[in-house]
Amino acid sequence: MMAKAAGLTVPEVVKTSWLPLIIVVMTQIQASFAVNALTVSMAGITQDLNTAATSVGIAITAGTFSMAAFILLGAKVGARFGTRKVFQIAIAIHALAMAGVAFSLNPAMLFIAQASSGAVIALVAPALTVFIATNYHGEQQGKAIGLLAAAIPAAGVLALLIAGTFATTIGWRWSFVLMIALGAVNFLLSFRLKVIPPQRDLKIDWTGASIAAGSIILLSFGFSGLAGWGVVRATDQAPFSILGVSPAPILIILGLIGGQVFFSWVRRRQTEKKHRIFDLRVLATGSELAVVACMSIMLFVGTAANFLIPLYMQVVQGLTGIETSFSIIPYTISIFVASTFVAFLYTRFPPRTIGRMGFVAVAAALTLLAFSIRGEWGQFFVVLGLILLGLGQGAIVALVFNTLLSAAPAELAGDVGAFRGLVHNLSGSVGIAVASAFAVGTLSSMLLAGGQDHPDVSADLINNINFNQANFLTNDQLKDVLADRAQGAELDAAVAINEDARLRALQISMLGLAALSLLAIVPAGRMPGKRAGDLPDQLEPDDPDTINDTIDELADSGRHSPESK
């Protein structure tokens, strides 16, 4: 039996083994596990490595920034040198990076290992959709893509459960030892995947890729250094300073300049009709720029909140890793539910209306969280706020990605997917870095004010503390820091001031994120009044004819609506 679509004759789809999909899902779990595991292992890492909780945030941003730096290059490298071969090398390196995390002796080692894992995930992520595209067709391909999408939140839930349990029982390092074993299994199973011939004639815009990667690396170090090196004035922790100015803002400015150079380079290549690392037609209109702005703001806000909430639970409330995991799981599930079912709203409401509703829900959730977090109560309302936050976040992220895809020509689906990955990781990383710096800065100001106003705190103690290097510490950690400086009533007063200051700093940070969410209503109002049509498939082939043929093939399987035909 033959099927016809767009003048083409397509052979009957033959079902194939689900083994490639199992490998793809297991690899997605391996790639997504680390960030969630680091989040719920925060308390154990800070004690084991004798570092502040925000150092864990720096490690997380190292991985996501690295992925953002190389995501535009990842699909091209796989296509040029062979998808399976590049995939296998990347999986092996990722397992080694997980070993680096598991056996980290200090924050620097943790940072390097996590950055390495993010860089190779940029090679892994495009390969997963390529494997699905080459192994499955028709209805089976649709199911495979859906299961791959479900693997991301599923990996988050598994990470929260496993890492939370390990962090509370045998130790946080065992979560990453488990990822080493999973990496070895995935590497061995990968030999069962089809060999996809490399595209020897494919030209890679190495200059554009280098400019993009360099700019993002500068932004990475700049934003990651805001909390430790200083927002304006350099602290003692800064590696260098220029006229007393922190290197963090300098690196951020250089990174932004590099971004301008990148877009100028790509624009020139596009005018000259030469090969390029990214196609600017993805951002051709003001409506598409508004979609990107909404995506950036939502990922900034959502990732920042997802870092601050475990910080509150473990440092302020003193919850264990497993208790934190169970508190965060509803948030992860609600993101999955919203991103899956938001499509049912497309026929009733235009994207701009859904976007506005979503940002209002996110602002309401963050406001609820700000007024619910307490040292001794409020856990129910915290979870309720997280569920509402997850529903709003999941709906907006799925909406803006789908809207951007539906507005772009089918042959640009790969560019849209790569750009989405870049924005996702860059915005999330900046969100954690900026939220950490803001929260720490607020904490420092409140500690200083509280110490000056408290009658039991001496001027000598205040003068001997560098409040510019303040950080979120548990009561026991603070007592260890002040062991040689304060005793008795003065130590008790310092602990009480710290408890109040760290709680209020987190509350103010949440309200700041809520205000940013409300401001996002403005770009949301510039999103399209209606969707352009059904979505092109999220595949990464470099040949436009391959993309078009695949879309025609999927049209036969009933995945596209009559309007799109």
Protein backbone atom coordinates (compact mmCIF):
# COMPACT_ATOMS: atom_id res chain seq x y z
CA MET A 1 0.00 0.00 0.00
CA MET A 2 1.30 3.46 -0.96
CA ALA A 3 0.46 6.93 0.39
CA LYS A 4 0.57 10.22 -1.45
CA ALA A 5 1.41 13.69 -0.09
CA ALA A 6 2.41 16.86 -1.95
CA GLY A 7 2.91 14.92 -5.18
CA LEU A 8 5.23 12.38 -3.58
CA THR A 9 4.73 8.65 -3.25
CA VAL A 10 5.72 7.40 0.17
CA PRO A 11 6.16 3.69 0.95
CA GLU A 12 4.06 2.08 3.62
CA VAL A 13 5.51 2.73 7.07
CA VAL A 14 7.05 -0.37 8.64
CA LYS A 15 7.27 -0.53 12.41
CA THR A 16 10.75 -0.96 13.82
CA SER A 17 12.18 -1.98 17.17
CA TRP A 18 11.75 0.35 20.16
CA LEU A 19 15.36 -0.28 21.23
CA PRO A 20 16.67 2.95 19.64
CA LEU A 21 14.01 4.92 21.52
CA ILE A 22 14.98 3.21 24.78
CA ILE A 23 18.57 4.29 24.19
CA VAL A 24 17.42 7.84 23.37
CA VAL A 25 15.28 8.09 26.51
CA MET A 26 18.03 6.69 28.75
CA THR A 27 20.49 9.16 27.25
CA GLN A 28 18.07 12.03 27.87
CA ILE A 29 17.85 10.94 31.49
CA GLN A 30 21.64 10.88 31.71
CA ALA A 31 21.83 14.38 30.21
CA SER A 32 19.07 15.90 32.36
CA PHE A 33 19.93 14.27 35.68
CA ALA A 34 22.86 16.41 36.83
CA VAL A 35 21.15 19.79 37.26
CA ASN A 36 18.31 18.43 39.41
CA ALA A 37 20.70 16.25 41.38
CA LEU A 38 22.92 19.23 42.17
CA THR A 39 19.90 21.25 43.29
CA VAL A 40 18.63 18.75 45.86
CA SER A 41 22.18 17.86 46.99
CA MET A 42 22.92 21.47 47.90
CA ALA A 43 23.19 20.90 51.64
CA GLY A 44 25.53 17.92 51.33
CA ILE A 45 27.77 19.64 48.77
CA THR A 46 28.14 22.79 50.87
CA GLN A 47 29.21 20.75 53.90
CA ASP A 48 31.41 18.28 52.04
CA LEU A 49 33.26 20.88 49.96
CA ASN A 50 33.15 23.55 52.69
CA THR A 51 31.59 26.11 50.37
CA ALA A 52 28.59 28.41 50.22
CA ALA A 53 25.26 27.28 48.77
CA THR A 54 25.55 29.74 45.89
CA SER A 55 28.62 27.82 44.68
CA VAL A 56 26.23 25.06 43.65
CA GLY A 57 24.37 27.63 41.57
CA ILE A 58 27.65 28.60 39.91
CA ALA A 59 28.28 24.94 39.04
CA ILE A 60 24.78 24.61 37.55
CA THR A 61 25.25 27.73 35.45
CA ALA A 62 28.61 26.40 34.27
CA GLY A 63 26.87 23.42 32.66
CA THR A 64 24.00 25.34 31.13
CA PHE A 65 26.23 28.14 29.84
CA SER A 66 28.52 25.55 28.23
CA MET A 67 25.60 23.92 26.47
CA ALA A 68 24.37 27.30 25.28
CA ALA A 69 27.85 28.13 23.98
CA PHE A 70 28.04 25.10 21.71
CA ILE A 71 24.40 24.25 20.92
CA LEU A 72 24.46 26.05 17.55
CA LEU A 73 27.49 24.00 16.59
CA GLY A 74 26.32 20.66 17.98
CA ALA A 75 23.97 19.59 15.19
CA LYS A 76 26.40 20.67 12.46
CA VAL A 77 29.29 18.71 13.96
CA GLY A 78 27.17 15.56 14.23
CA ALA A 79 25.98 15.83 10.64
CA ARG A 80 29.47 16.56 9.32
CA PHE A 81 31.42 13.83 11.10
CA GLY A 82 28.73 11.19 11.65
CA THR A 83 25.92 11.41 14.19
CA ARG A 84 26.50 8.05 15.88
CA LYS A 85 30.26 8.49 16.17
CA VAL A 86 29.95 12.00 17.65
CA PHE A 87 27.17 10.78 19.94
CA GLN A 88 29.32 7.95 21.30
CA ILE A 89 32.29 10.23 21.96
CA ALA A 90 30.03 12.76 23.69
CA ILE A 91 28.39 10.09 25.88
CA ALA A 92 31.79 8.82 27.01
CA ILE A 93 33.03 12.32 27.83
CA HIS A 94 29.82 13.08 29.71
CA ALA A 95 30.32 9.97 31.86
CA LEU A 96 33.85 11.16 32.64
CA ALA A 97 32.47 14.59 33.55
CA MET A 98 30.03 12.91 35.95
CA ALA A 99 33.03 11.16 37.49
CA GLY A 100 34.60 14.59 37.95
CA VAL A 101 31.47 15.77 39.80
CA ALA A 102 31.32 12.60 41.92
CA PHE A 103 34.94 12.90 43.04
CA SER A 104 35.14 16.69 43.31
CA LEU A 105 37.46 17.88 46.06
CA ASN A 106 36.65 21.58 45.83
CA PRO A 107 34.19 24.00 44.14
CA ALA A 108 36.60 24.64 41.23
CA MET A 109 36.69 20.94 40.33
CA LEU A 110 32.90 20.79 40.54
CA PHE A 111 32.65 23.84 38.26
CA ILE A 112 35.01 22.39 35.62
CA ALA A 113 33.29 18.99 35.60
CA GLN A 114 29.83 20.49 35.23
CA ALA A 115 31.01 22.86 32.48
CA SER A 116 32.46 19.89 30.58
CA SER A 117 29.19 17.97 30.87
CA GLY A 118 27.24 20.91 29.45
CA ALA A 119 29.57 21.25 26.48
CA VAL A 120 29.13 17.62 25.39
CA ILE A 121 25.36 17.69 25.97
CA ALA A 122 25.31 20.27 23.15
CA LEU A 123 26.50 17.41 20.92
CA VAL A 124 24.14 14.83 22.41
CA ALA A 125 20.87 16.78 22.26
CA PRO A 126 20.63 17.20 18.44
CA ALA A 127 21.60 13.56 17.92
CA LEU A 128 18.58 12.33 19.87
CA THR A 129 16.08 13.79 17.39
CA VAL A 130 18.18 12.58 14.47
CA PHE A 131 18.04 9.01 15.80
CA ILE A 132 14.27 9.23 16.11
CA ALA A 133 13.96 10.67 12.60
CA THR A 134 16.05 7.91 11.05
CA ASN A 135 14.56 4.99 12.99
CA TYR A 136 10.85 5.82 13.17
CA HIS A 137 8.23 7.03 10.73
CA GLY A 138 4.55 7.86 10.67
CA GLU A 139 2.53 7.13 13.80
CA GLN A 140 5.49 5.40 15.45
CA GLN A 141 7.62 8.51 14.99
CA GLY A 142 4.92 10.67 16.58
CA LYS A 143 4.88 8.43 19.65
CA ALA A 144 8.67 8.45 19.81
CA ILE A 145 8.83 12.27 19.75
CA GLY A 146 6.21 12.44 22.49
CA LEU A 147 8.12 9.99 24.67
CA LEU A 148 11.34 11.93 24.17
CA ALA A 149 9.58 15.10 25.33
CA ALA A 150 8.22 13.24 28.36
CA ALA A 151 11.70 11.96 29.21
CA ILE A 152 12.89 15.42 30.26
CA PRO A 153 10.46 15.95 33.20
CA ALA A 154 10.64 12.22 33.93
CA ALA A 155 14.40 12.57 34.31
CA GLY A 156 13.80 15.47 36.66
CA VAL A 157 11.48 13.42 38.87
CA LEU A 158 13.90 10.48 38.92
CA ALA A 159 16.77 12.80 39.79
CA LEU A 160 14.82 14.37 42.63
CA LEU A 161 13.87 10.99 44.08
CA ILE A 162 17.21 9.24 43.62
CA ALA A 163 19.47 12.18 44.42
CA GLY A 164 17.31 13.20 47.36
CA THR A 165 17.44 9.69 48.80
CA PHE A 166 21.18 9.32 48.24
CA ALA A 167 21.92 12.76 49.69
CA THR A 168 20.03 11.84 52.86
CA THR A 169 21.44 8.30 53.22
CA ILE A 170 24.68 7.20 51.54
CA GLY A 171 25.85 10.58 50.27
CA TRP A 172 25.29 12.97 47.35
CA ARG A 173 28.29 11.68 45.35
CA TRP A 174 26.59 8.34 44.65
CA SER A 175 24.00 10.04 42.42
CA PHE A 176 26.75 10.90 39.97
CA VAL A 177 28.42 7.51 40.31
CA LEU A 178 25.08 6.13 39.12
CA MET A 179 25.30 8.43 36.08
CA ILE A 180 28.75 7.02 35.28
CA ALA A 181 27.23 3.54 35.17
CA LEU A 182 24.30 4.74 33.05
CA GLY A 183 26.75 6.41 30.66
CA ALA A 184 28.64 3.14 30.24
CA VAL A 185 25.38 1.29 29.50
CA ASN A 186 24.29 3.92 26.97
CA PHE A 187 27.69 3.81 25.28
CA LEU A 188 27.53 0.03 24.85
CA LEU A 189 23.93 0.10 23.62
CA SER A 190 24.72 2.87 21.13
CA PHE A 191 26.43 0.30 18.89
CA ARG A 192 22.93 -1.07 18.20
CA LEU A 193 21.93 2.25 16.60
CA LYS A 194 21.98 2.73 12.84
CA VAL A 195 25.14 4.22 11.37
CA ILE A 196 24.14 7.55 9.83
CA PRO A 197 26.53 8.46 7.01
CA PRO A 198 28.38 11.74 7.61
CA GLN A 199 27.69 14.64 5.28
CA ARG A 200 31.24 15.15 4.02
CA ASP A 201 30.26 18.11 1.86
CA LEU A 202 28.61 20.02 4.71
CA LYS A 203 30.41 23.29 5.42
CA ILE A 204 30.47 24.58 8.99
CA ASP A 205 30.68 28.26 9.78
CA TRP A 206 33.47 27.86 12.32
CA THR A 207 34.00 31.60 12.61
CA GLY A 208 30.38 32.25 13.51
CA ALA A 209 30.36 29.32 15.92
CA SER A 210 33.56 30.60 17.60
CA ILE A 211 32.18 34.11 18.00
CA ALA A 212 28.97 32.74 19.53
CA ALA A 213 30.81 30.39 21.89
CA GLY A 214 33.31 33.07 22.95
CA SER A 215 30.56 35.59 23.66
CA ILE A 216 28.57 33.14 25.75
CA ILE A 217 31.67 32.05 27.70
CA LEU A 218 32.39 35.71 28.54
CA LEU A 219 28.78 36.11 29.67
CA SER A 220 29.10 32.89 31.67
CA PHE A 221 32.08 34.05 33.69
CA GLY A 222 30.63 37.53 34.02
CA PHE A 223 27.23 36.55 35.36
CA SER A 224 28.61 33.69 37.47
CA GLY A 225 31.05 36.12 39.11
CA LEU A 226 28.47 38.73 40.08
CA ALA A 227 27.88 37.29 43.56
CA GLY A 228 31.50 36.49 44.43
CA TRP A 229 33.50 39.12 42.55
CA GLY A 230 31.15 42.03 43.08
CA VAL A 231 28.49 43.70 40.99
CA VAL A 232 30.46 46.96 40.65
CA ARG A 233 33.32 47.15 43.13
CA ALA A 234 35.77 44.24 43.14
CA THR A 235 35.82 42.04 46.23
CA ASP A 236 38.79 40.17 47.64
CA GLN A 237 37.61 37.07 45.76
CA ALA A 238 37.89 38.75 42.35
CA PRO A 239 40.77 37.38 40.22
CA PHE A 240 41.61 40.91 39.05
CA SER A 241 40.17 44.41 38.97
CA ILE A 242 40.44 47.47 36.76
CA LEU A 243 40.56 50.67 38.81
CA GLY A 244 38.78 48.82 41.57
CA VAL A 245 35.94 47.69 39.28
CA SER A 246 34.87 44.05 39.44
CA PRO A 247 35.70 41.92 36.37
CA ALA A 248 32.11 40.58 36.33
CA PRO A 249 30.42 43.60 34.66
CA ILE A 250 33.42 44.03 32.36
CA LEU A 251 33.09 40.45 31.09
CA ILE A 252 29.33 40.88 30.66
CA ILE A 253 29.86 43.99 28.54
CA LEU A 254 32.46 42.19 26.42
CA GLY A 255 30.07 39.27 25.99
CA LEU A 256 27.27 41.60 24.85
CA ILE A 257 29.64 43.24 22.37
CA GLY A 258 30.55 39.77 21.11
CA GLY A 259 26.86 39.04 20.64
CA GLN A 260 26.50 42.11 18.45
CA VAL A 261 29.53 41.01 16.44
CA PHE A 262 27.96 37.55 16.01
CA PHE A 263 24.68 38.91 14.62
CA SER A 264 26.58 41.30 12.32
CA TRP A 265 28.67 38.38 11.05
CA VAL A 266 25.64 36.17 10.42
CA ARG A 267 23.76 39.03 8.75
CA ARG A 268 26.67 39.61 6.37
CA ARG A 269 26.95 35.89 5.56
CA GLN A 270 23.25 35.75 4.93
CA THR A 271 23.40 38.74 2.57
CA GLU A 272 26.26 37.09 0.69
CA LYS A 273 24.26 33.80 0.59
CA LYS A 274 27.08 31.87 2.27
CA HIS A 275 26.80 29.02 4.76
CA ARG A 276 26.21 30.23 8.33
CA ILE A 277 25.77 28.82 11.79
CA PHE A 278 22.33 30.43 12.26
CA ASP A 279 19.59 31.77 9.95
CA LEU A 280 18.31 35.22 10.93
CA ARG A 281 14.98 34.59 9.21
CA VAL A 282 13.96 32.92 12.48
CA LEU A 283 13.86 36.45 13.97
CA ALA A 284 12.54 38.27 10.92
CA THR A 285 9.61 40.18 12.49
CA GLY A 286 8.84 42.12 15.64
CA SER A 287 6.31 39.45 16.60
CA GLU A 288 9.00 36.77 16.56
CA LEU A 289 11.31 38.98 18.63
CA ALA A 290 8.48 39.38 21.16
CA VAL A 291 8.15 35.59 21.33
CA VAL A 292 11.88 35.29 22.06
CA ALA A 293 11.62 38.01 24.73
CA CYS A 294 8.79 36.11 26.44
CA MET A 295 10.77 32.87 26.27
CA SER A 296 13.85 34.55 27.77
CA ILE A 297 11.95 36.19 30.62
CA MET A 298 10.06 33.04 31.53
CA LEU A 299 13.16 30.87 31.57
CA PHE A 300 15.03 33.54 33.56
CA VAL A 301 12.26 33.74 36.16
CA GLY A 302 11.51 30.01 36.31
CA THR A 303 15.12 28.87 36.65
CA ALA A 304 15.91 31.54 39.24
CA ALA A 305 12.91 30.50 41.33
CA ASN A 306 13.81 26.83 40.92
CA PHE A 307 17.21 27.63 42.45
CA LEU A 308 16.00 29.92 45.25
CA ILE A 309 13.30 27.55 46.51
CA PRO A 310 15.66 24.62 47.30
CA LEU A 311 18.04 27.19 48.80
CA TYR A 312 15.22 28.26 51.12
CA MET A 313 14.16 24.70 51.92
CA GLN A 314 17.62 23.40 52.78
CA VAL A 315 19.31 26.46 54.30
CA VAL A 316 16.38 28.21 55.98
CA GLN A 317 14.03 25.34 56.78
CA GLY A 318 16.79 22.77 57.21
CA LEU A 319 15.04 20.13 55.11
CA THR A 320 16.95 17.06 54.00
CA GLY A 321 17.61 16.23 50.38
CA ILE A 322 14.73 13.74 50.16
CA GLU A 323 12.31 16.19 51.80
CA THR A 324 13.35 18.84 49.30
CA SER A 325 12.88 16.37 46.46
CA PHE A 326 9.32 15.53 47.40
CA SER A 327 8.55 19.23 47.73
CA ILE A 328 9.86 20.01 44.23
CA ILE A 329 8.37 17.01 42.39
CA PRO A 330 4.90 18.63 42.08
CA TYR A 331 6.57 21.63 40.42
CA THR A 332 8.34 19.40 37.88
CA ILE A 333 5.18 17.41 37.13
CA SER A 334 3.09 20.57 36.73
CA ILE A 335 5.55 21.87 34.10
CA PHE A 336 5.13 18.63 32.15
CA VAL A 337 1.33 18.70 32.45
CA ALA A 338 1.06 22.32 31.33
CA SER A 339 3.48 21.95 28.42
CA THR A 340 1.59 18.86 27.24
CA PHE A 341 -1.98 20.16 27.48
CA VAL A 342 -1.52 23.83 26.57
CA ALA A 343 -2.10 22.79 22.94
CA PHE A 344 -5.80 22.32 23.75
CA LEU A 345 -6.04 26.08 24.35
CA TYR A 346 -4.74 26.98 20.89
CA THR A 347 -8.16 26.69 19.25
CA ARG A 348 -9.82 28.89 21.88
CA PHE A 349 -7.28 31.60 22.66
CA PRO A 350 -4.59 33.38 20.60
CA PRO A 351 -0.94 33.13 21.77
CA ARG A 352 -0.89 36.67 23.14
CA THR A 353 -3.85 35.91 25.42
CA ILE A 354 -2.38 32.63 26.66
CA GLY A 355 0.97 34.36 27.21
CA ARG A 356 -0.56 37.14 29.29
CA MET A 357 -2.58 34.67 31.35
CA GLY A 358 0.53 32.58 31.91
CA PHE A 359 2.64 35.49 33.13
CA VAL A 360 -0.11 36.63 35.48
CA ALA A 361 -0.25 33.10 36.91
CA VAL A 362 3.55 33.06 37.35
CA ALA A 363 3.50 36.45 39.10
CA ALA A 364 0.70 35.27 41.40
CA ALA A 365 2.62 32.08 42.20
CA LEU A 366 5.83 33.94 43.06
CA THR A 367 3.91 36.42 45.22
CA LEU A 368 2.29 33.51 47.07
CA LEU A 369 5.72 31.95 47.58
CA ALA A 370 7.17 35.23 48.85
CA PHE A 371 4.53 35.53 51.55
CA SER A 372 4.43 31.79 52.34
CA ILE A 373 8.07 30.94 52.99
CA ARG A 374 8.82 30.92 56.69
CA GLY A 375 11.35 29.24 58.89
CA GLU A 376 8.77 27.15 60.72
CA TRP A 377 5.64 26.85 58.56
CA GLY A 378 4.19 27.37 55.12
CA GLN A 379 5.25 24.14 53.42
CA PHE A 380 1.77 23.49 51.99
CA PHE A 381 1.54 26.94 50.48
CA VAL A 382 5.09 26.66 49.16
CA VAL A 383 4.13 23.49 47.27
CA LEU A 384 0.89 25.12 46.09
CA GLY A 385 2.86 28.10 44.83
CA LEU A 386 5.32 25.80 43.06
CA ILE A 387 2.48 23.96 41.31
CA LEU A 388 0.98 27.23 40.09
CA LEU A 389 4.44 28.40 39.03
CA GLY A 390 5.04 25.15 37.13
CA LEU A 391 1.70 25.38 35.32
CA GLY A 392 2.38 28.94 34.20
CA GLN A 393 6.00 28.23 33.28
CA GLY A 394 5.24 25.03 31.35
CA ALA A 395 2.42 26.65 29.40
CA ILE A 396 4.47 29.70 28.42
CA VAL A 397 7.64 27.82 27.42
CA ALA A 398 5.67 25.35 25.26
CA LEU A 399 3.59 28.18 23.79
CA VAL A 400 6.48 30.41 22.76
CA PHE A 401 8.49 27.53 21.27
CA ASN A 402 5.51 26.25 19.32
CA THR A 403 4.59 29.78 18.17
CA LEU A 404 8.13 30.42 16.95
CA LEU A 405 8.18 27.09 15.13
CA SER A 406 4.82 27.63 13.46
CA ALA A 407 5.86 31.10 12.25
CA ALA A 408 9.13 29.92 10.69
CA PRO A 409 9.49 28.20 7.30
CA ALA A 410 9.75 24.42 7.58
CA GLU A 411 13.37 24.39 6.42
CA LEU A 412 14.33 26.53 9.43
CA ALA A 413 13.04 24.06 12.02
CA GLY A 414 16.60 23.06 12.89
CA ASP A 415 17.65 26.69 13.41
CA VAL A 416 14.60 27.30 15.58
CA GLY A 417 15.41 24.24 17.69
CA ALA A 418 19.04 25.25 18.12
CA PHE A 419 18.11 28.84 18.96
CA ARG A 420 15.55 27.61 21.43
CA GLY A 421 18.26 25.55 23.13
CA LEU A 422 20.56 28.55 23.24
CA VAL A 423 17.90 30.84 24.74
CA HIS A 424 16.79 28.13 27.16
CA ASN A 425 20.23 27.56 28.63
CA LEU A 426 21.48 31.14 28.46
CA SER A 427 18.39 32.66 30.06
CA GLY A 428 18.27 29.98 32.74
CA SER A 429 21.92 30.43 33.60
CA VAL A 430 21.62 34.20 33.77
CA GLY A 431 18.52 33.77 35.94
CA ILE A 432 20.39 31.73 38.55
CA ALA A 433 23.43 34.03 38.48
CA VAL A 434 21.48 37.29 38.75
CA ALA A 435 19.07 35.93 41.36
CA SER A 436 22.01 34.70 43.45
CA ALA A 437 23.78 38.06 43.21
CA PHE A 438 20.61 39.98 44.06
CA ALA A 439 19.73 37.71 46.97
CA VAL A 440 23.27 37.83 48.37
CA GLY A 441 23.43 41.61 47.99
CA THR A 442 20.11 42.00 49.81
CA LEU A 443 21.30 39.61 52.50
CA SER A 444 24.50 41.62 53.03
CA SER A 445 22.59 44.87 53.47
CA MET A 446 20.15 43.34 55.93
CA LEU A 447 22.89 41.66 57.96
CA LEU A 448 24.73 44.95 58.30
CA ALA A 449 21.58 46.87 59.23
CA GLY A 450 20.48 44.19 61.67
CA GLY A 451 23.87 44.07 63.37
CA GLN A 452 24.03 47.84 63.77
CA ASP A 453 20.55 48.01 65.27
CA HIS A 454 20.88 45.07 67.70
CA PRO A 455 22.02 46.03 71.23
CA ASP A 456 23.81 42.74 71.86
CA VAL A 457 26.06 43.00 68.77
CA SER A 458 29.27 44.93 69.41
CA ALA A 459 30.89 47.37 67.03
CA ASP A 460 34.05 45.24 67.09
CA LEU A 461 32.18 42.25 65.67
CA ILE A 462 30.64 44.38 62.91
CA ASN A 463 34.03 45.86 62.02
CA ASN A 464 35.65 42.42 61.88
CA ILE A 465 33.11 41.01 59.39
CA ASN A 466 33.34 41.67 55.66
CA PHE A 467 29.66 41.97 54.79
CA ASN A 468 30.51 42.18 51.09
CA GLN A 469 31.38 38.47 51.28
CA ALA A 470 28.22 37.43 53.12
CA ASN A 471 26.39 34.34 51.88
CA PHE A 472 23.53 32.06 52.79
CA LEU A 473 24.66 29.96 55.74
CA THR A 474 22.85 27.55 58.04
CA ASN A 475 22.89 28.31 61.76
CA ASP A 476 25.60 25.71 62.36
CA GLN A 477 27.77 27.10 59.57
CA LEU A 478 27.42 30.63 60.98
CA LYS A 479 28.37 29.44 64.47
CA ASP A 480 31.51 27.86 63.06
CA VAL A 481 32.42 31.09 61.25
CA LEU A 482 31.90 33.21 64.37
CA ALA A 483 33.36 30.71 66.84
CA ASP A 484 36.44 32.86 67.53
CA ARG A 485 34.65 36.21 67.35
CA ALA A 486 31.42 35.96 69.35
CA GLN A 487 30.15 34.06 72.37
CA GLY A 488 27.00 33.82 74.46
CA ALA A 489 24.32 36.44 73.91
CA GLU A 490 26.23 38.08 71.06
CA LEU A 491 26.45 34.79 69.15
CA ASP A 492 22.75 34.12 69.73
CA ALA A 493 21.92 37.62 68.45
CA ALA A 494 24.04 37.06 65.33
CA VAL A 495 22.22 33.79 64.60
CA ALA A 496 18.82 35.48 65.04
CA ILE A 497 19.84 38.35 62.74
CA ASN A 498 21.04 35.85 60.13
CA GLU A 499 17.78 33.89 60.29
CA ASP A 500 15.71 37.01 59.71
CA ALA A 501 17.99 38.46 57.02
CA ARG A 502 18.26 35.34 54.86
CA LEU A 503 14.48 34.80 54.97
CA ARG A 504 13.70 38.40 54.00
CA ALA A 505 16.35 38.38 51.29
CA LEU A 506 14.68 35.37 49.67
CA GLN A 507 11.22 36.94 50.01
CA ILE A 508 12.36 40.17 48.35
CA SER A 509 14.02 38.16 45.58
CA MET A 510 10.76 36.31 44.92
CA LEU A 511 8.82 39.57 44.76
CA GLY A 512 11.40 40.93 42.32
CA LEU A 513 10.87 37.91 40.05
CA ALA A 514 7.08 38.42 40.34
CA ALA A 515 7.47 42.04 39.21
CA LEU A 516 9.57 40.94 36.24
CA SER A 517 6.85 38.45 35.29
CA LEU A 518 4.27 41.23 35.23
CA LEU A 519 6.52 43.35 33.03
CA ALA A 520 6.61 40.43 30.56
CA ILE A 521 2.93 41.10 29.80
CA VAL A 522 4.14 43.91 27.50
CA PRO A 523 6.10 41.71 25.03
CA ALA A 524 3.42 39.02 25.42
CA GLY A 525 0.94 41.53 23.97
CA ARG A 526 3.06 41.70 20.81
CA MET A 527 2.89 37.97 20.20
CA PRO A 528 0.80 36.82 17.21
CA GLY A 529 -2.96 37.18 17.44
CA LYS A 530 -3.28 33.66 16.04
CA ARG A 531 -1.03 30.74 15.25
CA ALA A 532 0.19 30.40 11.69
CA GLY A 533 -0.77 26.73 11.43
CA ASP A 534 0.37 23.32 12.54
CA LEU A 535 3.91 22.91 13.73
CA PRO A 536 6.79 21.65 11.60
CA ASP A 537 8.49 18.68 13.14
CA GLN A 538 11.33 19.32 15.54
CA LEU A 539 14.00 17.57 13.51
CA GLU A 540 17.52 18.64 12.71
CA PRO A 541 18.39 17.52 9.13
CA ASP A 542 20.55 20.00 7.23
CA ASP A 543 19.01 19.26 3.84
CA PRO A 544 15.73 21.21 3.37
CA ASP A 545 14.45 18.51 1.02
CA THR A 546 14.85 15.95 3.79
CA ILE A 547 12.80 18.12 6.14
CA ASN A 548 10.06 18.65 3.59
CA ASP A 549 9.90 14.95 2.73
CA THR A 550 9.63 14.07 6.42
CA ILE A 551 6.83 16.57 6.95
CA ASP A 552 4.97 15.17 3.94
CA GLU A 553 5.44 11.69 5.33
CA LEU A 554 4.10 12.70 8.72
CA ALA A 555 1.16 14.41 7.04
CA ASP A 556 0.10 11.00 5.70
CA SER A 557 0.07 9.57 9.19
CA GLY A 558 -2.60 12.05 10.23
CA ARG A 559 -0.49 14.22 12.49
CA HIS A 560 -1.20 17.40 10.51
CA SER A 561 -4.60 19.02 10.39
CA PRO A 562 -6.58 19.51 7.18
CA GLU A 563 -5.99 23.26 7.38
CA SER A 564 -2.23 22.77 7.06
CA LYS A 565 -2.64 20.71 3.91
